[in-house]
């Protein structure tokens, strides 16, 4: 890697890391009281897939430890946002599904973060965002590749 491409790579990832931090901070502030960003992302995932997932599958999907996912799921279960049941095929495993309360909480969270996201996209420009998506998607796919 030559000096120019190394500098470009460092700048790119510096911008991604800073944008991630700023986005998390801004969105966390407008989430409904008591909801953390990790809660929202799990509820959003379960709502979008509309299928039960094991805690291990969720941990893998979010690239967090099983312990971290168990902690998040415990809080969501306590709030009534998810149902956790034994796996009927393997009693050692559990399965997680979003509850009606969880869907409402997720919808409320979407309503609170959507104006911020829409405003940012409008300010940056729809064409610019559309052009950035393939690059960001390709980077995510490369980073997700275990090789």
C-alpha atoms as a PDB file:
ATOM      1  CA  UNK A   1       0.000   0.000   0.000  1.00  0.00           C
ATOM      2  CA  UNK A   2       1.524   3.325  -1.006  1.00  0.00           C
ATOM      3  CA  UNK A   3       1.419   6.474   1.113  1.00  0.00           C
ATOM      4  CA  UNK A   4      -1.557   8.022  -0.744  1.00  0.00           C
ATOM      5  CA  UNK A   5      -3.762   4.938  -0.470  1.00  0.00           C
ATOM      6  CA  UNK A   6      -2.754   4.456   3.175  1.00  0.00           C
ATOM      7  CA  UNK A   7      -3.688   8.063   3.954  1.00  0.00           C
ATOM      8  CA  UNK A   8      -6.976   7.618   2.073  1.00  0.00           C
ATOM      9  CA  UNK A   9      -7.783   4.449   4.035  1.00  0.00           C
ATOM     10  CA  UNK A  10      -7.001   6.110   7.371  1.00  0.00           C
ATOM     11  CA  UNK A  11      -9.122   9.142   6.438  1.00  0.00           C
ATOM     12  CA  UNK A  12     -12.018   6.936   5.291  1.00  0.00           C
ATOM     13  CA  UNK A  13     -12.109   4.883   8.461  1.00  0.00           C
ATOM     14  CA  UNK A  14     -11.599   7.969  10.609  1.00  0.00           C
ATOM     15  CA  UNK A  15     -14.704   9.499   9.026  1.00  0.00           C
ATOM     16  CA  UNK A  16     -16.690   6.258   9.424  1.00  0.00           C
ATOM     17  CA  UNK A  17     -15.742   5.959  13.108  1.00  0.00           C
ATOM     18  CA  UNK A  18     -16.571   9.590  13.841  1.00  0.00           C
ATOM     19  CA  UNK A  19     -19.860   9.439  11.919  1.00  0.00           C
ATOM     20  CA  UNK A  20     -20.769   6.269  13.826  1.00  0.00           C
ATOM     21  CA  UNK A  21     -20.031   7.898  17.176  1.00  0.00           C
ATOM     22  CA  UNK A  22     -21.942  11.068  16.336  1.00  0.00           C
ATOM     23  CA  UNK A  23     -24.934   9.150  14.934  1.00  0.00           C
ATOM     24  CA  UNK A  24     -25.126   6.892  17.999  1.00  0.00           C
ATOM     25  CA  UNK A  25     -24.938   9.902  20.296  1.00  0.00           C
ATOM     26  CA  UNK A  26     -27.602  11.885  18.453  1.00  0.00           C
ATOM     27  CA  UNK A  27     -30.013   8.968  18.047  1.00  0.00           C
ATOM     28  CA  UNK A  28     -29.562   7.787  21.645  1.00  0.00           C
ATOM     29  CA  UNK A  29     -30.696  11.186  22.911  1.00  0.00           C
ATOM     30  CA  UNK A  30     -34.066  11.002  21.141  1.00  0.00           C
ATOM     31  CA  UNK A  31     -34.961   7.384  21.844  1.00  0.00           C
ATOM     32  CA  UNK A  32     -37.910   6.852  24.189  1.00  0.00           C
ATOM     33  CA  UNK A  33     -37.071   7.061  27.885  1.00  0.00           C
ATOM     34  CA  UNK A  34     -35.340   3.915  29.105  1.00  0.00           C
ATOM     35  CA  UNK A  35     -34.543   2.607  25.619  1.00  0.00           C
ATOM     36  CA  UNK A  36     -30.908   2.159  24.703  1.00  0.00           C
ATOM     37  CA  UNK A  37     -29.603   2.007  21.162  1.00  0.00           C
ATOM     38  CA  UNK A  38     -28.831  -1.708  21.606  1.00  0.00           C
ATOM     39  CA  UNK A  39     -32.463  -2.315  22.610  1.00  0.00           C
ATOM     40  CA  UNK A  40     -33.726  -0.469  19.563  1.00  0.00           C
ATOM     41  CA  UNK A  41     -31.459  -2.308  17.147  1.00  0.00           C
ATOM     42  CA  UNK A  42     -32.502  -5.728  18.492  1.00  0.00           C
ATOM     43  CA  UNK A  43     -36.199  -4.814  18.394  1.00  0.00           C
ATOM     44  CA  UNK A  44     -35.804  -3.429  14.881  1.00  0.00           C
ATOM     45  CA  UNK A  45     -34.030  -6.605  13.744  1.00  0.00           C
ATOM     46  CA  UNK A  46     -36.708  -8.865  15.222  1.00  0.00           C
ATOM     47  CA  UNK A  47     -39.495  -6.720  13.753  1.00  0.00           C
ATOM     48  CA  UNK A  48     -37.909  -6.702  10.288  1.00  0.00           C
ATOM     49  CA  UNK A  49     -37.166 -10.427  10.151  1.00  0.00           C
ATOM     50  CA  UNK A  50     -40.455 -11.306  11.851  1.00  0.00           C
ATOM     51  CA  UNK A  51     -38.916 -14.618  12.964  1.00  0.00           C
ATOM     52  CA  UNK A  52     -37.703 -16.015  16.255  1.00  0.00           C
ATOM     53  CA  UNK A  53     -33.960 -16.007  16.790  1.00  0.00           C
ATOM     54  CA  UNK A  54     -31.753 -17.646  19.378  1.00  0.00           C
ATOM     55  CA  UNK A  55     -29.635 -15.378  21.577  1.00  0.00           C
ATOM     56  CA  UNK A  56     -26.556 -16.842  19.857  1.00  0.00           C
ATOM     57  CA  UNK A  57     -27.935 -15.938  16.416  1.00  0.00           C
ATOM     58  CA  UNK A  58     -28.642 -12.405  17.606  1.00  0.00           C
ATOM     59  CA  UNK A  59     -25.168 -12.085  19.137  1.00  0.00           C
ATOM     60  CA  UNK A  60     -23.652 -13.204  15.844  1.00  0.00           C
ATOM     61  CA  UNK A  61     -25.835 -10.830  13.803  1.00  0.00           C
ATOM     62  CA  UNK A  62     -24.758  -7.863  15.934  1.00  0.00           C
ATOM     63  CA  UNK A  63     -21.150  -8.973  16.391  1.00  0.00           C
ATOM     64  CA  UNK A  64     -21.357  -8.873  20.178  1.00  0.00           C
ATOM     65  CA  UNK A  65     -20.618 -11.481  22.810  1.00  0.00           C
ATOM     66  CA  UNK A  66     -23.333 -13.842  23.951  1.00  0.00           C
ATOM     67  CA  UNK A  67     -23.051 -12.247  27.392  1.00  0.00           C
ATOM     68  CA  UNK A  68     -23.695  -8.786  25.985  1.00  0.00           C
ATOM     69  CA  UNK A  69     -26.695 -10.070  24.040  1.00  0.00           C
ATOM     70  CA  UNK A  70     -28.031 -11.915  27.092  1.00  0.00           C
ATOM     71  CA  UNK A  71     -27.820  -8.653  29.051  1.00  0.00           C
ATOM     72  CA  UNK A  72     -29.712  -6.740  26.348  1.00  0.00           C
ATOM     73  CA  UNK A  73     -32.338  -9.478  26.031  1.00  0.00           C
ATOM     74  CA  UNK A  74     -32.835  -9.592  29.813  1.00  0.00           C
ATOM     75  CA  UNK A  75     -33.601  -5.878  29.843  1.00  0.00           C
ATOM     76  CA  UNK A  76     -35.946  -6.222  26.878  1.00  0.00           C
ATOM     77  CA  UNK A  77     -37.719  -9.162  28.512  1.00  0.00           C
ATOM     78  CA  UNK A  78     -38.071  -7.259  31.794  1.00  0.00           C
ATOM     79  CA  UNK A  79     -39.664  -4.374  29.844  1.00  0.00           C
ATOM     80  CA  UNK A  80     -42.030  -6.838  28.149  1.00  0.00           C
ATOM     81  CA  UNK A  81     -40.619  -6.125  24.686  1.00  0.00           C
ATOM     82  CA  UNK A  82     -39.537  -9.690  23.886  1.00  0.00           C
ATOM     83  CA  UNK A  83     -40.708 -13.191  24.701  1.00  0.00           C
ATOM     84  CA  UNK A  84     -38.011 -15.735  25.505  1.00  0.00           C
ATOM     85  CA  UNK A  85     -38.986 -19.383  25.471  1.00  0.00           C
ATOM     86  CA  UNK A  86     -37.172 -22.735  25.498  1.00  0.00           C
ATOM     87  CA  UNK A  87     -36.378 -24.215  22.102  1.00  0.00           C
ATOM     88  CA  UNK A  88     -38.806 -27.120  21.705  1.00  0.00           C
ATOM     89  CA  UNK A  89     -36.138 -29.166  19.873  1.00  0.00           C
ATOM     90  CA  UNK A  90     -33.263 -28.465  22.282  1.00  0.00           C
ATOM     91  CA  UNK A  91     -34.191 -27.410  25.820  1.00  0.00           C
ATOM     92  CA  UNK A  92     -30.670 -26.034  26.379  1.00  0.00           C
ATOM     93  CA  UNK A  93     -31.372 -23.289  23.829  1.00  0.00           C
ATOM     94  CA  UNK A  94     -33.801 -20.416  23.978  1.00  0.00           C
ATOM     95  CA  UNK A  95     -35.713 -18.601  21.290  1.00  0.00           C
ATOM     96  CA  UNK A  96     -36.510 -14.889  21.244  1.00  0.00           C
ATOM     97  CA  UNK A  97     -39.475 -13.179  19.581  1.00  0.00           C
ATOM     98  CA  UNK A  98     -40.630  -9.587  19.633  1.00  0.00           C
ATOM     99  CA  UNK A  99     -43.811  -8.985  21.636  1.00  0.00           C
ATOM    100  CA  UNK A 100     -46.656  -6.622  20.709  1.00  0.00           C
ATOM    101  CA  UNK A 101     -45.245  -4.206  23.305  1.00  0.00           C
ATOM    102  CA  UNK A 102     -41.854  -4.510  21.630  1.00  0.00           C
ATOM    103  CA  UNK A 103     -43.352  -3.673  18.245  1.00  0.00           C
ATOM    104  CA  UNK A 104     -44.993  -0.585  19.718  1.00  0.00           C
ATOM    105  CA  UNK A 105     -41.728   0.443  21.412  1.00  0.00           C
ATOM    106  CA  UNK A 106     -39.841  -0.070  18.151  1.00  0.00           C
ATOM    107  CA  UNK A 107     -42.420   1.941  16.198  1.00  0.00           C
ATOM    108  CA  UNK A 108     -42.198   4.757  18.768  1.00  0.00           C
ATOM    109  CA  UNK A 109     -38.405   4.702  18.486  1.00  0.00           C
ATOM    110  CA  UNK A 110     -38.590   4.790  14.673  1.00  0.00           C
ATOM    111  CA  UNK A 111     -40.883   7.803  14.905  1.00  0.00           C
ATOM    112  CA  UNK A 112     -38.390   9.569  17.185  1.00  0.00           C
ATOM    113  CA  UNK A 113     -35.264   8.915  15.080  1.00  0.00           C
ATOM    114  CA  UNK A 114     -36.780   9.247  11.588  1.00  0.00           C
ATOM    115  CA  UNK A 115     -36.946  13.059  11.545  1.00  0.00           C
ATOM    116  CA  UNK A 116     -33.250  13.293  12.435  1.00  0.00           C
ATOM    117  CA  UNK A 117     -32.244  10.780   9.778  1.00  0.00           C
ATOM    118  CA  UNK A 118     -34.451  12.377   7.126  1.00  0.00           C
ATOM    119  CA  UNK A 119     -33.093  15.843   7.942  1.00  0.00           C
ATOM    120  CA  UNK A 120     -29.496  14.636   7.664  1.00  0.00           C
ATOM    121  CA  UNK A 121     -30.164  12.928   4.333  1.00  0.00           C
ATOM    122  CA  UNK A 122     -31.850  16.072   3.009  1.00  0.00           C
ATOM    123  CA  UNK A 123     -28.946  18.256   4.154  1.00  0.00           C
ATOM    124  CA  UNK A 124     -26.291  15.972   2.658  1.00  0.00           C
ATOM    125  CA  UNK A 125     -28.347  15.381  -0.486  1.00  0.00           C
ATOM    126  CA  UNK A 126     -30.247  12.348  -1.691  1.00  0.00           C
ATOM    127  CA  UNK A 127     -27.923  11.818  -4.667  1.00  0.00           C
ATOM    128  CA  UNK A 128     -24.831  11.907  -2.435  1.00  0.00           C
ATOM    129  CA  UNK A 129     -26.352   9.439   0.010  1.00  0.00           C
ATOM    130  CA  UNK A 130     -27.442   7.168  -2.822  1.00  0.00           C
ATOM    131  CA  UNK A 131     -23.894   7.275  -4.250  1.00  0.00           C
ATOM    132  CA  UNK A 132     -22.320   6.507  -0.837  1.00  0.00           C
ATOM    133  CA  UNK A 133     -24.494   3.467  -0.090  1.00  0.00           C
ATOM    134  CA  UNK A 134     -22.791   1.003  -2.471  1.00  0.00           C
ATOM    135  CA  UNK A 135     -19.367   1.904  -1.085  1.00  0.00           C
ATOM    136  CA  UNK A 136     -20.505   1.582   2.531  1.00  0.00           C
ATOM    137  CA  UNK A 137     -22.301  -1.674   1.734  1.00  0.00           C
ATOM    138  CA  UNK A 138     -19.191  -3.107   0.061  1.00  0.00           C
ATOM    139  CA  UNK A 139     -17.040  -2.124   3.054  1.00  0.00           C
ATOM    140  CA  UNK A 140     -19.536  -3.732   5.447  1.00  0.00           C
ATOM    141  CA  UNK A 141     -19.599  -6.930   3.402  1.00  0.00           C
ATOM    142  CA  UNK A 142     -15.793  -7.093   3.299  1.00  0.00           C
ATOM    143  CA  UNK A 143     -15.555  -6.470   7.042  1.00  0.00           C
ATOM    144  CA  UNK A 144     -18.217  -9.127   7.709  1.00  0.00           C
ATOM    145  CA  UNK A 145     -16.276 -11.726   5.707  1.00  0.00           C
ATOM    146  CA  UNK A 146     -14.554 -13.953   8.292  1.00  0.00           C
ATOM    147  CA  UNK A 147     -11.615 -14.695   5.958  1.00  0.00           C
END
